């Protein structure tokens, strides 16, 4: 066998070997591209979640009316109330491309308190002798959420629904000008009203997210309260409890984060 014939055999064998490797190499490249595509797909907001929050709430324009004209005529506006809050939330989201719809319930403890001295006694007697107070110590809401995915991990949302606030009102007039003691029996009620607001939620992984949220609770209800003096006479007061606004920071833990969703368009 001469040299040229041997060289031809080697070249043909090499080309045949390369041809047998080519399909597997293409398949491997396709597999790598598919795996890369899965990794690069955005996270999904779909699924159940639970979490906790804390923040601050405030209310204004709470008013008291003396129905028997004993101490004040017309409305008496108490001071603005405010205090901290802490609670838990649970919810479910469903994502459609860049739109996220869901439902959320939260509940917690609050320290929203206020009291004010009757205007006729300001500068004459200590505020502790004659005042009216409003305390909100528990709250709960259930709302629908509708959001837009601004980026794969940033959700901008609005929410609206219904809320409840356990409210206690009080009245006391420790010493009047004629020495009569008028003691207010605290009155408690669960007030309710519409809630609305919105916020931002940022997910740093498929499992965890943090949020900042504003919520307005429109109570605007009246609690009638009867106080008694030491002779047994009753004095009726209306406590009108107005709105409460809250700002809170929270975090959520996803219970079943979805995988491999279609990229948002």
Protein backbone atom coordinates (compact mmCIF):
# COMPACT_ATOMS: atom_id res chain seq x y z
CA UNK A 1 0.00 0.00 0.00
CA UNK A 2 1.57 3.31 -1.04
CA UNK A 3 1.70 6.46 1.10
CA UNK A 4 -1.10 8.30 -0.75
CA UNK A 5 -3.49 5.41 -0.30
CA UNK A 6 -2.74 5.21 3.44
CA UNK A 7 -3.28 8.96 3.87
CA UNK A 8 -6.68 8.72 2.16
CA UNK A 9 -7.77 5.94 4.51
CA UNK A 10 -6.77 8.02 7.58
CA UNK A 11 -8.66 11.10 6.32
CA UNK A 12 -11.84 9.11 5.62
CA UNK A 13 -11.70 7.45 9.03
CA UNK A 14 -11.26 10.83 10.78
CA UNK A 15 -14.20 12.39 8.94
CA UNK A 16 -16.39 9.42 9.85
CA UNK A 17 -15.47 9.72 13.52
CA UNK A 18 -16.26 13.46 13.54
CA UNK A 19 -19.59 12.76 11.88
CA UNK A 20 -20.54 10.31 14.64
CA UNK A 21 -19.76 12.94 17.35
CA UNK A 22 -21.66 15.79 15.74
CA UNK A 23 -25.26 14.74 16.69
CA UNK A 24 -24.35 14.22 20.34
CA UNK A 25 -22.56 17.57 20.46
CA UNK A 26 -25.60 19.36 19.02
CA UNK A 27 -27.90 17.58 21.47
CA UNK A 28 -25.66 18.56 24.37
CA UNK A 29 -25.65 22.21 23.25
CA UNK A 30 -29.45 22.16 22.93
CA UNK A 31 -29.70 20.73 26.45
CA UNK A 32 -27.47 23.46 27.85
CA UNK A 33 -29.56 26.15 26.13
CA UNK A 34 -32.78 24.62 27.53
CA UNK A 35 -31.35 24.49 31.03
CA UNK A 36 -30.20 28.09 30.70
CA UNK A 37 -33.69 29.09 29.54
CA UNK A 38 -35.25 27.54 32.66
CA UNK A 39 -32.80 29.32 34.94
CA UNK A 40 -33.43 32.68 33.28
CA UNK A 41 -37.22 32.47 33.52
CA UNK A 42 -38.70 34.97 36.03
CA UNK A 43 -40.11 33.91 39.37
CA UNK A 44 -43.84 33.48 39.75
CA UNK A 45 -46.01 35.26 42.32
CA UNK A 46 -48.59 32.46 42.18
CA UNK A 47 -49.19 30.54 45.41
CA UNK A 48 -50.07 30.73 49.10
CA UNK A 49 -48.05 32.79 51.59
CA UNK A 50 -47.97 33.70 55.27
CA UNK A 51 -46.14 36.53 56.97
CA UNK A 52 -45.91 39.16 59.68
CA UNK A 53 -45.94 42.95 59.81
CA UNK A 54 -45.37 45.89 62.13
CA UNK A 55 -46.00 49.59 61.76
CA UNK A 56 -47.75 52.72 62.98
CA UNK A 57 -51.36 53.88 62.89
CA UNK A 58 -53.08 57.16 63.56
CA UNK A 59 -56.58 58.61 63.59
CA UNK A 60 -58.06 62.06 63.72
CA UNK A 61 -61.27 64.01 64.24
CA UNK A 62 -62.70 61.72 66.95
CA UNK A 63 -65.49 63.63 68.67
CA UNK A 64 -67.61 63.48 71.83
CA UNK A 65 -71.10 64.99 72.26
CA UNK A 66 -72.77 65.51 75.63
CA UNK A 67 -76.41 64.62 74.92
CA UNK A 68 -77.68 65.99 78.25
CA UNK A 69 -75.76 69.28 78.21
CA UNK A 70 -74.06 68.58 81.52
CA UNK A 71 -70.49 69.43 80.59
CA UNK A 72 -70.25 70.56 76.99
CA UNK A 73 -72.52 71.93 74.33
CA UNK A 74 -71.97 70.69 70.79
CA UNK A 75 -69.06 68.48 69.74
CA UNK A 76 -65.80 68.17 71.59
CA UNK A 77 -62.88 67.00 69.48
CA UNK A 78 -60.39 64.75 71.25
CA UNK A 79 -56.73 64.76 70.35
CA UNK A 80 -55.45 62.73 67.40
CA UNK A 81 -54.68 59.16 68.36
CA UNK A 82 -51.72 57.07 67.33
CA UNK A 83 -49.67 54.05 68.24
CA UNK A 84 -47.79 51.01 67.07
CA UNK A 85 -49.20 47.83 65.56
CA UNK A 86 -48.00 44.27 65.00
CA UNK A 87 -49.75 41.36 63.33
CA UNK A 88 -49.85 38.45 60.91
CA UNK A 89 -51.19 37.98 57.36
CA UNK A 90 -52.09 35.09 55.07
CA UNK A 91 -53.01 35.16 51.41
CA UNK A 92 -52.98 33.71 47.92
CA UNK A 93 -51.79 35.18 44.61
CA UNK A 94 -52.45 34.15 41.03
CA UNK A 95 -50.27 35.61 38.28
CA UNK A 96 -51.32 36.21 34.66
CA UNK A 97 -48.29 37.43 32.73
CA UNK A 98 -47.61 40.80 34.43
CA UNK A 99 -50.92 40.99 36.33
CA UNK A 100 -51.22 39.52 39.84
CA UNK A 101 -54.61 39.07 41.54
CA UNK A 102 -55.06 37.75 45.07
CA UNK A 103 -56.80 37.81 48.42
CA UNK A 104 -55.28 38.60 51.81
CA UNK A 105 -56.42 38.56 55.45
CA UNK A 106 -54.51 40.12 58.33
CA UNK A 107 -55.07 40.61 62.04
CA UNK A 108 -53.10 41.96 64.96
CA UNK A 109 -52.73 44.09 68.06
CA UNK A 110 -52.57 47.88 68.14
CA UNK A 111 -51.97 50.66 70.61
CA UNK A 112 -54.00 53.45 69.01
CA UNK A 113 -55.02 55.65 71.93
CA UNK A 114 -56.22 59.20 72.43
CA UNK A 115 -57.79 61.32 75.13
CA UNK A 116 -58.70 64.95 75.53
CA UNK A 117 -59.82 67.35 78.22
CA UNK A 118 -63.20 69.05 78.01
CA UNK A 119 -62.69 72.56 76.59
CA UNK A 120 -64.59 74.22 79.45
CA UNK A 121 -61.98 73.00 81.92
CA UNK A 122 -58.79 73.65 79.99
CA UNK A 123 -56.44 75.71 82.16
CA UNK A 124 -58.72 75.36 85.18
CA UNK A 125 -58.36 71.70 86.19
CA UNK A 126 -55.87 68.96 85.39
CA UNK A 127 -56.62 67.02 82.18
CA UNK A 128 -56.84 63.79 84.17
CA UNK A 129 -59.90 65.13 86.02
CA UNK A 130 -62.18 65.46 83.02
CA UNK A 131 -61.54 63.74 79.72
CA UNK A 132 -62.83 61.41 77.06
CA UNK A 133 -60.74 58.66 75.48
CA UNK A 134 -60.73 56.34 72.47
CA UNK A 135 -58.62 53.14 72.35
CA UNK A 136 -58.27 50.66 69.47
CA UNK A 137 -56.44 47.54 70.64
CA UNK A 138 -57.21 44.91 67.97
CA UNK A 139 -57.87 44.95 64.23
CA UNK A 140 -58.50 42.64 61.28
CA UNK A 141 -59.00 43.10 57.53
CA UNK A 142 -59.83 40.99 54.50
CA UNK A 143 -59.00 42.51 51.13
CA UNK A 144 -58.58 41.74 47.48
CA UNK A 145 -55.27 42.64 45.85
CA UNK A 146 -54.57 43.61 42.24
CA UNK A 147 -51.01 44.26 41.19
CA UNK A 148 -48.64 44.83 38.30
CA UNK A 149 -45.21 43.22 38.01
CA UNK A 150 -42.99 46.22 37.25
CA UNK A 151 -39.96 43.94 37.23
CA UNK A 152 -39.73 40.19 37.70
CA UNK A 153 -39.30 40.61 41.47
CA UNK A 154 -41.13 43.92 42.11
CA UNK A 155 -44.90 44.02 42.55
CA UNK A 156 -46.91 47.27 42.73
CA UNK A 157 -50.41 46.63 44.05
CA UNK A 158 -53.66 48.18 45.23
CA UNK A 159 -56.03 46.55 47.72
CA UNK A 160 -59.57 47.09 49.00
CA UNK A 161 -62.02 45.27 51.22
CA UNK A 162 -63.47 45.37 54.73
CA UNK A 163 -61.95 45.86 58.17
CA UNK A 164 -62.78 45.58 61.87
CA UNK A 165 -61.43 47.41 64.90
CA UNK A 166 -62.10 46.54 68.54
CA UNK A 167 -62.70 49.96 70.08
CA UNK A 168 -63.15 51.14 73.66
CA UNK A 169 -64.42 54.59 74.59
CA UNK A 170 -64.48 56.17 78.06
CA UNK A 171 -65.57 59.27 79.90
CA UNK A 172 -64.64 60.51 83.35
CA UNK A 173 -65.19 63.73 85.28
CA UNK A 174 -63.49 63.18 88.58
CA UNK A 175 -64.49 66.39 90.44
CA UNK A 176 -67.06 68.89 89.21
CA UNK A 177 -67.60 72.37 90.61
CA UNK A 178 -70.27 71.14 93.05
CA UNK A 179 -68.23 68.15 94.20
CA UNK A 180 -70.21 65.58 92.22
CA UNK A 181 -68.28 62.57 90.97
CA UNK A 182 -69.16 61.50 87.44
CA UNK A 183 -67.52 58.22 86.48
CA UNK A 184 -67.57 56.84 82.97
CA UNK A 185 -68.18 53.14 82.45
CA UNK A 186 -66.02 52.04 79.53
CA UNK A 187 -67.95 50.93 76.48
CA UNK A 188 -66.51 48.43 73.95
CA UNK A 189 -67.60 47.64 70.40
CA UNK A 190 -66.26 46.03 67.26
CA UNK A 191 -66.49 48.77 64.65
CA UNK A 192 -66.20 47.98 60.95
CA UNK A 193 -65.84 49.77 57.66
CA UNK A 194 -64.32 49.77 54.20
CA UNK A 195 -60.54 49.64 53.80
CA UNK A 196 -58.35 50.57 50.84
CA UNK A 197 -54.71 51.26 50.12
CA UNK A 198 -51.71 49.86 48.32
CA UNK A 199 -48.04 49.11 48.48
CA UNK A 200 -44.83 47.69 47.04
CA UNK A 201 -43.63 44.11 47.47
CA UNK A 202 -40.15 42.94 46.52
CA UNK A 203 -39.17 39.27 46.28
CA UNK A 204 -35.50 38.48 46.85
CA UNK A 205 -36.11 34.78 46.12
CA UNK A 206 -38.91 32.36 45.22
CA UNK A 207 -39.45 31.85 48.96
CA UNK A 208 -39.27 35.27 50.62
CA UNK A 209 -40.52 38.81 49.99
CA UNK A 210 -40.77 42.11 51.88
CA UNK A 211 -43.40 44.84 51.53
CA UNK A 212 -44.27 48.40 52.49
CA UNK A 213 -47.99 49.19 52.64
CA UNK A 214 -50.43 52.00 53.39
CA UNK A 215 -54.01 51.18 54.44
CA UNK A 216 -56.97 53.41 55.30
CA UNK A 217 -59.76 52.09 57.55
CA UNK A 218 -62.99 54.06 57.25
CA UNK A 219 -64.77 53.43 60.56
CA UNK A 220 -66.89 56.58 61.02
CA UNK A 221 -69.27 55.11 63.60
CA UNK A 222 -70.79 56.30 66.86
CA UNK A 223 -70.71 54.59 70.25
CA UNK A 224 -73.26 55.81 72.81
CA UNK A 225 -71.93 55.82 76.32
CA UNK A 226 -73.70 56.45 79.63
CA UNK A 227 -71.89 57.85 82.66
CA UNK A 228 -73.25 57.92 86.21
CA UNK A 229 -72.78 60.47 88.98
CA UNK A 230 -72.73 59.58 92.69
CA UNK A 231 -76.45 60.23 93.02
CA UNK A 232 -77.26 57.67 90.33
CA UNK A 233 -78.20 60.16 87.63
CA UNK A 234 -77.08 59.18 84.14
CA UNK A 235 -75.38 61.37 81.58
CA UNK A 236 -75.31 60.25 77.96
CA UNK A 237 -72.40 60.81 75.62
CA UNK A 238 -71.88 59.97 71.95
CA UNK A 239 -68.34 59.06 70.94
CA UNK A 240 -67.89 59.38 67.19
CA UNK A 241 -64.88 57.37 66.03
CA UNK A 242 -63.58 58.40 62.64
CA UNK A 243 -60.90 57.02 60.32
CA UNK A 244 -57.64 55.20 61.00
CA UNK A 245 -54.61 55.26 58.70
CA UNK A 246 -51.73 52.80 58.92
CA UNK A 247 -48.28 52.39 57.40
CA UNK A 248 -46.57 49.04 57.89
CA UNK A 249 -43.58 46.97 56.86
CA UNK A 250 -43.96 43.22 56.47
CA UNK A 251 -42.43 40.04 55.10
CA UNK A 252 -43.99 36.98 53.48
CA UNK A 253 -42.92 33.34 53.22
CA UNK A 254 -44.23 31.46 50.19
CA UNK A 255 -45.63 28.03 51.00
CA UNK A 256 -45.64 26.59 47.46
CA UNK A 257 -43.73 28.84 45.05
CA UNK A 258 -44.45 27.99 41.43
CA UNK A 259 -41.62 26.91 39.11
CA UNK A 260 -40.84 27.45 35.46
CA UNK A 261 -43.57 29.91 34.59
CA UNK A 262 -43.71 31.55 31.19
CA UNK A 263 -41.72 34.79 31.01
CA UNK A 264 -43.73 38.01 31.42
CA UNK A 265 -44.27 39.73 28.08
